[in-house]
Amino acid sequence: MFDPKILNDLSKQFIEHLPPAFKNMHQELDKTFRTVMGSVFAKMDLVSREEFDAQVALLAENKAKLESLQAELSGLSQKLAEVEQKK
């Protein structure tokens, strides 16, 4: 999911930018804001930075394997072509 620290930071910034008349409703607004933002983030189907980084690493590893297999296949195709030419 997402880092709860982000929600805390957003909530803090939201409360800090309220007009003075609303600041005495701090707890209620904070709770409502967190609920709404949590719902929005949940609908966005976000992943954590750690999950994203893990997928990037896996993709890089798979890309390297694919390039290696492509080079191997190319070499085998060339050898096969040479064998067929000798026949």
C-alpha atoms as a PDB file:
ATOM      1  CA  MET A   1       0.000   0.000   0.000  1.00  0.00           C
ATOM      2  CA  PHE A   2       1.351   3.466   0.785  1.00  0.00           C
ATOM      3  CA  ASP A   3       3.435   4.944   3.562  1.00  0.00           C
ATOM      4  CA  PRO A   4       1.220   6.277   6.403  1.00  0.00           C
ATOM      5  CA  LYS A   5       3.833   9.011   6.957  1.00  0.00           C
ATOM      6  CA  ILE A   6       2.694  10.599   3.695  1.00  0.00           C
ATOM      7  CA  LEU A   7      -0.873  10.785   5.001  1.00  0.00           C
ATOM      8  CA  ASN A   8       0.389  12.303   8.272  1.00  0.00           C
ATOM      9  CA  ASP A   9       2.401  14.924   6.397  1.00  0.00           C
ATOM     10  CA  LEU A  10      -0.516  15.808   4.115  1.00  0.00           C
ATOM     11  CA  SER A  11      -2.854  16.083   7.072  1.00  0.00           C
ATOM     12  CA  LYS A  12      -0.404  18.331   8.932  1.00  0.00           C
ATOM     13  CA  GLN A  13      -0.053  20.616   5.910  1.00  0.00           C
ATOM     14  CA  PHE A  14      -3.819  20.729   5.465  1.00  0.00           C
ATOM     15  CA  ILE A  15      -4.378  21.749   9.092  1.00  0.00           C
ATOM     16  CA  GLU A  16      -1.564  24.345   8.995  1.00  0.00           C
ATOM     17  CA  HIS A  17      -3.123  26.101   6.002  1.00  0.00           C
ATOM     18  CA  LEU A  18      -6.604  26.399   7.479  1.00  0.00           C
ATOM     19  CA  PRO A  19      -7.981  29.822   8.360  1.00  0.00           C
ATOM     20  CA  PRO A  20      -7.745  30.576  12.101  1.00  0.00           C
ATOM     21  CA  ALA A  21     -11.495  30.149  12.589  1.00  0.00           C
ATOM     22  CA  PHE A  22     -11.258  26.474  11.617  1.00  0.00           C
ATOM     23  CA  LYS A  23      -8.178  25.587  13.624  1.00  0.00           C
ATOM     24  CA  ASN A  24     -10.194  24.909  16.777  1.00  0.00           C
ATOM     25  CA  MET A  25     -11.860  22.050  14.857  1.00  0.00           C
ATOM     26  CA  HIS A  26      -8.422  20.492  14.382  1.00  0.00           C
ATOM     27  CA  GLN A  27      -9.171  16.929  15.512  1.00  0.00           C
ATOM     28  CA  GLU A  28     -12.422  16.547  13.633  1.00  0.00           C
ATOM     29  CA  LEU A  29     -10.972  17.991  10.418  1.00  0.00           C
ATOM     30  CA  ASP A  30      -7.840  15.868  10.776  1.00  0.00           C
ATOM     31  CA  LYS A  31      -9.891  12.691  11.171  1.00  0.00           C
ATOM     32  CA  THR A  32     -12.129  13.552   8.214  1.00  0.00           C
ATOM     33  CA  PHE A  33      -9.180  14.502   6.027  1.00  0.00           C
ATOM     34  CA  ARG A  34      -7.365  11.243   6.844  1.00  0.00           C
ATOM     35  CA  THR A  35     -10.479   9.209   6.088  1.00  0.00           C
ATOM     36  CA  VAL A  36     -11.058  10.920   2.759  1.00  0.00           C
ATOM     37  CA  MET A  37      -7.409  10.766   1.686  1.00  0.00           C
ATOM     38  CA  GLY A  38      -7.103   7.149   2.810  1.00  0.00           C
ATOM     39  CA  SER A  39     -10.112   6.292   0.670  1.00  0.00           C
ATOM     40  CA  VAL A  40      -8.689   8.180  -2.323  1.00  0.00           C
ATOM     41  CA  PHE A  41      -5.312   6.448  -1.981  1.00  0.00           C
ATOM     42  CA  ALA A  42      -6.976   3.038  -1.612  1.00  0.00           C
ATOM     43  CA  LYS A  43      -8.934   3.574  -4.837  1.00  0.00           C
ATOM     44  CA  MET A  44      -5.734   4.542  -6.639  1.00  0.00           C
ATOM     45  CA  ASP A  45      -4.267   1.100  -5.907  1.00  0.00           C
ATOM     46  CA  LEU A  46      -0.839   2.547  -5.062  1.00  0.00           C
ATOM     47  CA  VAL A  47       2.233   0.503  -4.218  1.00  0.00           C
ATOM     48  CA  SER A  48       4.957   1.286  -1.732  1.00  0.00           C
ATOM     49  CA  ARG A  49       8.345   2.543  -2.847  1.00  0.00           C
ATOM     50  CA  GLU A  50       9.854  -0.763  -1.696  1.00  0.00           C
ATOM     51  CA  GLU A  51       7.449  -2.756  -3.883  1.00  0.00           C
ATOM     52  CA  PHE A  52       8.144  -0.468  -6.831  1.00  0.00           C
ATOM     53  CA  ASP A  53      11.918  -0.756  -6.384  1.00  0.00           C
ATOM     54  CA  ALA A  54      11.648  -4.555  -6.097  1.00  0.00           C
ATOM     55  CA  GLN A  55       9.730  -4.692  -9.377  1.00  0.00           C
ATOM     56  CA  VAL A  56      12.261  -2.403 -11.085  1.00  0.00           C
ATOM     57  CA  ALA A  57      15.085  -4.704  -9.931  1.00  0.00           C
ATOM     58  CA  LEU A  58      13.202  -7.780 -11.141  1.00  0.00           C
ATOM     59  CA  LEU A  59      12.547  -6.139 -14.497  1.00  0.00           C
ATOM     60  CA  ALA A  60      16.234  -5.247 -14.890  1.00  0.00           C
ATOM     61  CA  GLU A  61      17.215  -8.826 -14.024  1.00  0.00           C
ATOM     62  CA  ASN A  62      14.733 -10.236 -16.545  1.00  0.00           C
ATOM     63  CA  LYS A  63      15.941  -7.808 -19.209  1.00  0.00           C
ATOM     64  CA  ALA A  64      19.533  -8.958 -18.675  1.00  0.00           C
ATOM     65  CA  LYS A  65      18.456 -12.623 -18.917  1.00  0.00           C
ATOM     66  CA  LEU A  66      16.488 -11.909 -22.085  1.00  0.00           C
ATOM     67  CA  GLU A  67      19.464 -10.169 -23.702  1.00  0.00           C
ATOM     68  CA  SER A  68      21.695 -13.104 -22.756  1.00  0.00           C
ATOM     69  CA  LEU A  69      19.229 -15.607 -24.218  1.00  0.00           C
ATOM     70  CA  GLN A  70      18.883 -13.528 -27.395  1.00  0.00           C
ATOM     71  CA  ALA A  71      22.671 -13.510 -27.815  1.00  0.00           C
ATOM     72  CA  GLU A  72      22.813 -17.264 -27.193  1.00  0.00           C
ATOM     73  CA  LEU A  73      20.017 -17.896 -29.690  1.00  0.00           C
ATOM     74  CA  SER A  74      21.743 -15.726 -32.257  1.00  0.00           C
ATOM     75  CA  GLY A  75      24.970 -17.696 -31.774  1.00  0.00           C
ATOM     76  CA  LEU A  76      23.161 -21.030 -32.097  1.00  0.00           C
ATOM     77  CA  SER A  77      21.341 -19.829 -35.217  1.00  0.00           C
ATOM     78  CA  GLN A  78      24.642 -18.826 -36.755  1.00  0.00           C
ATOM     79  CA  LYS A  79      26.201 -22.219 -35.938  1.00  0.00           C
ATOM     80  CA  LEU A  80      23.181 -23.996 -37.423  1.00  0.00           C
ATOM     81  CA  ALA A  81      23.476 -21.924 -40.603  1.00  0.00           C
ATOM     82  CA  GLU A  82      27.196 -22.837 -40.852  1.00  0.00           C
ATOM     83  CA  VAL A  83      26.419 -26.550 -40.401  1.00  0.00           C
ATOM     84  CA  GLU A  84      23.724 -26.426 -43.046  1.00  0.00           C
ATOM     85  CA  GLN A  85      26.093 -24.674 -45.474  1.00  0.00           C
ATOM     86  CA  LYS A  86      28.653 -27.478 -45.072  1.00  0.00           C
ATOM     87  CA  LYS A  87      26.097 -30.083 -46.145  1.00  0.00           C
END
